[in-house]
Amino acid sequence: MGKRIGTALMLLVGTLVVLVLYLPGIRPQPPATTSSTNTGTVSIGGPFTLQDTTGKTVTEADLKGRYSLVFFGFTHCPDICPLVLQNVTRALEDAGPAADQVQPVFITVDPERDTPEEMKAYAANFHPRLLAFTGTVEQVKNAQQAYKVFAAKVPLKDADGKDTGDYSVSHTGFVYLMGPDGKYVSHFDKDADAAAIAARLRQLPPA
C-alpha cells in the first residue's frame, strides 16, 4: 500500500514539473525588461510643438543633430526639480568635451504659471545652455504624452487642512537621454547623481 502511494506521489510530482516547464501561462516568465538602447522597443519621445523663453515656436526637430537630456518639471517645484537640474548642470560641467554634444532641456508641466518669462528667469539658475520650453496646456500635454510623462495638480492645504487655492504638481522625475536622431537612448532616475550622469555621457559615441 505504501509503495503504491509513493509511486502515485512520484507520478503527480512529475506531472506538475512538466506542466510548469512546458505549458504557457504556468511556466514562470522572466521579468519584463526595457531596452536602454535605440532598438525600437521603447516608445519615448516624438513630435511636439512648444515655445522657448522668447516665445518662439520650437519642435522636436530643433533638438536633432545632438544628444539631449530632457527633464519635465515646473518652476514652483520646491525640491526635486532644482536638485535634478543642478545635477544635470554639474554632470555637463564634469563630463568634459563629451558634454559639448549634449543639449540640456527643461520642459514645464505647469504651463498655466510657467510663462516664457518665468522659464527664462528659472533657467538662468542652471547650465547656461539649458533650453526651457513651455506652451499652451494642450501643447504641453502632447509633449508629456510623447515622453510618457505623468503630471497632475495637487491642491495645497493649510495647517487646518483647508485648501489654500494654490497647488503643486506631482510628476514623473526621469531625465531622458535622447539620441541625435531624437530617439530614446537611456534615462536617469531623479536620484541619479552628477557623477553617474557624467560617466554615461563620456561613453556616448560622437553625434
Protein backbone atom coordinates (compact mmCIF):
# COMPACT_ATOMS: atom_id res chain seq x y z
CA MET A 1 0.00 0.00 0.00
CA GLY A 2 2.76 2.40 0.99
CA LYS A 3 4.68 1.54 -2.18
CA ARG A 4 1.61 2.36 -4.32
CA ILE A 5 1.16 5.72 -2.57
CA GLY A 6 4.83 6.55 -3.10
CA THR A 7 4.61 5.71 -6.80
CA ALA A 8 1.47 7.79 -7.16
CA LEU A 9 3.14 10.77 -5.48
CA MET A 10 6.15 10.47 -7.78
CA LEU A 11 3.87 10.48 -10.85
CA LEU A 12 1.99 13.51 -9.53
CA VAL A 13 5.20 15.45 -8.91
CA GLY A 14 6.48 14.54 -12.35
CA THR A 15 3.26 15.73 -13.97
CA LEU A 16 3.43 19.06 -12.13
CA VAL A 17 7.03 19.58 -13.25
CA VAL A 18 6.06 19.00 -16.88
CA LEU A 19 3.16 21.44 -16.59
CA VAL A 20 5.31 24.15 -15.05
CA LEU A 21 8.10 23.76 -17.59
CA TYR A 22 6.14 23.46 -20.77
CA LEU A 23 2.64 24.95 -20.55
CA PRO A 24 2.35 28.69 -21.39
CA GLY A 25 0.80 30.73 -18.62
CA ILE A 26 2.06 28.32 -15.96
CA ARG A 27 5.79 28.45 -16.72
CA PRO A 28 7.44 31.29 -14.74
CA GLN A 29 8.14 34.24 -17.04
CA PRO A 30 11.27 36.41 -16.87
CA PRO A 31 10.72 39.93 -15.59
CA ALA A 32 9.88 42.48 -18.26
CA THR A 33 12.88 44.49 -19.35
CA THR A 34 13.15 47.84 -21.06
CA SER A 35 15.92 48.37 -23.57
CA SER A 36 18.26 51.28 -22.82
CA THR A 37 19.44 51.42 -26.41
CA ASN A 38 17.79 52.53 -29.58
CA THR A 39 16.27 49.16 -30.57
CA GLY A 40 12.70 50.29 -31.21
CA THR A 41 11.41 48.61 -28.06
CA VAL A 42 11.00 51.87 -26.18
CA SER A 43 8.42 54.42 -27.33
CA ILE A 44 9.63 57.59 -25.60
CA GLY A 45 9.92 60.91 -27.38
CA GLY A 46 8.32 62.09 -30.58
CA PRO A 47 6.73 65.15 -32.17
CA PHE A 48 6.00 68.21 -30.05
CA THR A 49 5.34 71.90 -30.58
CA LEU A 50 6.28 74.25 -27.73
CA GLN A 51 7.68 77.73 -27.09
CA ASP A 52 11.12 78.77 -25.92
CA THR A 53 11.85 81.60 -23.49
CA THR A 54 11.49 84.21 -26.25
CA GLY A 55 8.08 82.92 -27.29
CA LYS A 56 9.49 81.36 -30.47
CA THR A 57 7.89 78.10 -31.61
CA VAL A 58 10.15 75.05 -31.24
CA THR A 59 9.66 71.42 -32.22
CA GLU A 60 11.46 68.12 -31.75
CA ALA A 61 13.41 68.93 -34.96
CA ASP A 62 15.28 71.68 -33.08
CA LEU A 63 16.92 69.05 -30.86
CA LYS A 64 18.11 66.75 -33.63
CA GLY A 65 21.78 66.53 -34.51
CA ARG A 66 22.87 66.42 -30.85
CA TYR A 67 22.16 64.30 -27.83
CA SER A 68 19.74 65.86 -25.37
CA LEU A 69 18.96 65.46 -21.68
CA VAL A 70 15.23 66.14 -21.33
CA PHE A 71 13.62 66.78 -17.96
CA PHE A 72 9.99 67.68 -17.22
CA GLY A 73 9.30 69.81 -14.14
CA PHE A 74 7.99 73.22 -13.07
CA THR A 75 9.40 76.44 -11.70
CA HIS A 76 7.40 76.35 -8.45
CA CYS A 77 8.82 72.91 -7.58
CA PRO A 78 10.26 73.19 -4.05
CA ASP A 79 12.92 70.46 -4.13
CA ILE A 80 13.14 67.71 -6.76
CA CYS A 81 13.25 69.90 -9.88
CA PRO A 82 16.05 72.25 -8.78
CA LEU A 83 18.04 69.28 -7.43
CA VAL A 84 17.74 67.37 -10.72
CA LEU A 85 18.66 70.41 -12.79
CA GLN A 86 21.63 71.12 -10.53
CA ASN A 87 22.83 67.54 -11.04
CA VAL A 88 22.41 67.87 -14.80
CA THR A 89 24.40 71.13 -14.68
CA ARG A 90 27.23 69.55 -12.69
CA ALA A 91 27.23 66.47 -14.92
CA LEU A 92 27.70 68.60 -18.02
CA GLU A 93 30.48 70.53 -16.32
CA ASP A 94 32.21 67.30 -15.24
CA ALA A 95 31.79 65.37 -18.49
CA GLY A 96 34.46 67.38 -20.28
CA PRO A 97 34.43 67.57 -24.09
CA ALA A 98 31.68 64.91 -24.23
CA ALA A 99 29.24 67.50 -22.89
CA ASP A 100 29.64 69.65 -25.99
CA GLN A 101 27.41 67.27 -27.95
CA VAL A 102 24.67 67.19 -25.28
CA GLN A 103 21.84 69.72 -25.06
CA PRO A 104 20.04 70.07 -21.68
CA VAL A 105 16.29 70.70 -21.99
CA PHE A 106 13.71 71.64 -19.35
CA ILE A 107 10.01 71.31 -20.25
CA THR A 108 7.34 72.58 -17.89
CA VAL A 109 4.40 70.51 -16.66
CA ASP A 110 2.75 73.69 -15.36
CA PRO A 111 2.09 75.86 -18.41
CA GLU A 112 -0.57 77.93 -16.66
CA ARG A 113 2.06 79.54 -14.41
CA ASP A 114 5.27 78.91 -16.35
CA THR A 115 5.26 81.64 -18.97
CA PRO A 116 8.28 82.14 -21.24
CA GLU A 117 9.44 84.91 -18.91
CA GLU A 118 9.14 82.66 -15.83
CA MET A 119 11.02 79.88 -17.59
CA LYS A 120 13.80 82.23 -18.66
CA ALA A 121 14.34 83.52 -15.13
CA TYR A 122 14.30 80.00 -13.71
CA ALA A 123 16.63 78.51 -16.33
CA ALA A 124 19.21 81.21 -15.55
CA ASN A 125 19.93 79.39 -12.27
CA PHE A 126 21.34 76.36 -14.06
CA HIS A 127 23.52 75.44 -17.03
CA PRO A 128 23.99 78.36 -19.46
CA ARG A 129 22.96 76.16 -22.40
CA LEU A 130 19.75 74.94 -20.75
CA LEU A 131 16.77 75.31 -23.07
CA ALA A 132 13.46 75.92 -21.29
CA PHE A 133 10.19 75.17 -23.08
CA THR A 134 6.59 75.94 -22.25
CA GLY A 135 3.42 76.26 -24.34
CA THR A 136 -0.33 76.03 -24.17
CA VAL A 137 -1.93 73.45 -21.90
CA GLU A 138 -2.66 71.28 -24.93
CA GLN A 139 0.86 71.60 -26.33
CA VAL A 140 2.45 70.65 -23.04
CA LYS A 141 0.05 67.74 -22.62
CA ASN A 142 1.04 66.43 -26.05
CA ALA A 143 4.73 66.67 -25.16
CA GLN A 144 4.09 64.79 -21.92
CA GLN A 145 2.30 62.05 -23.82
CA ALA A 146 5.18 61.76 -26.28
CA TYR A 147 7.63 61.21 -23.42
CA LYS A 148 5.24 59.10 -21.32
CA VAL A 149 5.34 61.69 -18.53
CA PHE A 150 2.68 61.73 -15.83
CA ALA A 151 1.69 65.07 -14.28
CA ALA A 152 -1.24 66.06 -12.06
CA LYS A 153 -2.10 69.09 -9.94
CA VAL A 154 -2.12 68.57 -6.17
CA PRO A 155 -4.09 71.19 -4.17
CA LEU A 156 -2.15 72.66 -1.26
CA LYS A 157 -3.75 72.84 2.18
CA ASP A 158 -3.04 74.98 5.21
CA ALA A 159 -2.33 73.79 8.76
CA ASP A 160 -6.07 73.28 9.32
CA GLY A 161 -6.44 71.11 6.23
CA LYS A 162 -8.23 73.77 4.21
CA ASP A 163 -7.45 74.45 0.56
CA THR A 164 -5.16 77.44 0.11
CA GLY A 165 -6.14 77.99 -3.50
CA ASP A 166 -2.59 77.17 -4.54
CA TYR A 167 -1.25 73.90 -5.92
CA SER A 168 1.82 71.80 -6.59
CA VAL A 169 2.31 69.32 -9.42
CA SER A 170 3.09 65.65 -8.99
CA HIS A 171 5.06 64.41 -11.99
CA THR A 172 7.46 61.87 -13.44
CA GLY A 173 11.03 62.66 -12.42
CA PHE A 174 13.14 60.90 -15.05
CA VAL A 175 15.83 62.63 -17.10
CA TYR A 176 15.67 61.22 -20.62
CA LEU A 177 18.82 60.84 -22.69
CA MET A 178 17.77 61.16 -26.33
CA GLY A 179 19.92 60.48 -29.38
CA PRO A 180 20.88 62.84 -32.21
CA ASP A 181 18.04 61.29 -34.22
CA GLY A 182 15.54 62.20 -31.49
CA LYS A 183 15.10 58.63 -30.31
CA TYR A 184 15.38 57.30 -26.79
CA VAL A 185 18.81 56.11 -25.62
CA SER A 186 18.51 55.79 -21.84
CA HIS A 187 17.20 57.57 -18.76
CA PHE A 188 18.28 58.57 -15.28
CA ASP A 189 16.23 58.43 -12.11
CA LYS A 190 15.62 61.67 -10.23
CA ASP A 191 18.10 60.46 -7.59
CA ALA A 192 20.95 59.89 -10.07
CA ASP A 193 23.95 61.96 -9.03
CA ALA A 194 26.05 64.15 -11.29
CA ALA A 195 28.95 61.69 -11.37
CA ALA A 196 26.76 58.87 -12.71
CA ILE A 197 25.26 61.09 -15.41
CA ALA A 198 28.67 62.46 -16.42
CA ALA A 199 30.12 58.94 -16.66
CA ARG A 200 27.32 57.90 -19.03
CA LEU A 201 27.79 61.00 -21.19
CA ARG A 202 31.51 60.24 -21.59
CA GLN A 203 30.55 56.85 -23.04
CA LEU A 204 28.45 58.31 -25.86
CA PRO A 205 29.68 57.86 -29.42
CA PRO A 206 30.09 61.03 -31.49
CA ALA A 207 26.75 62.54 -32.54
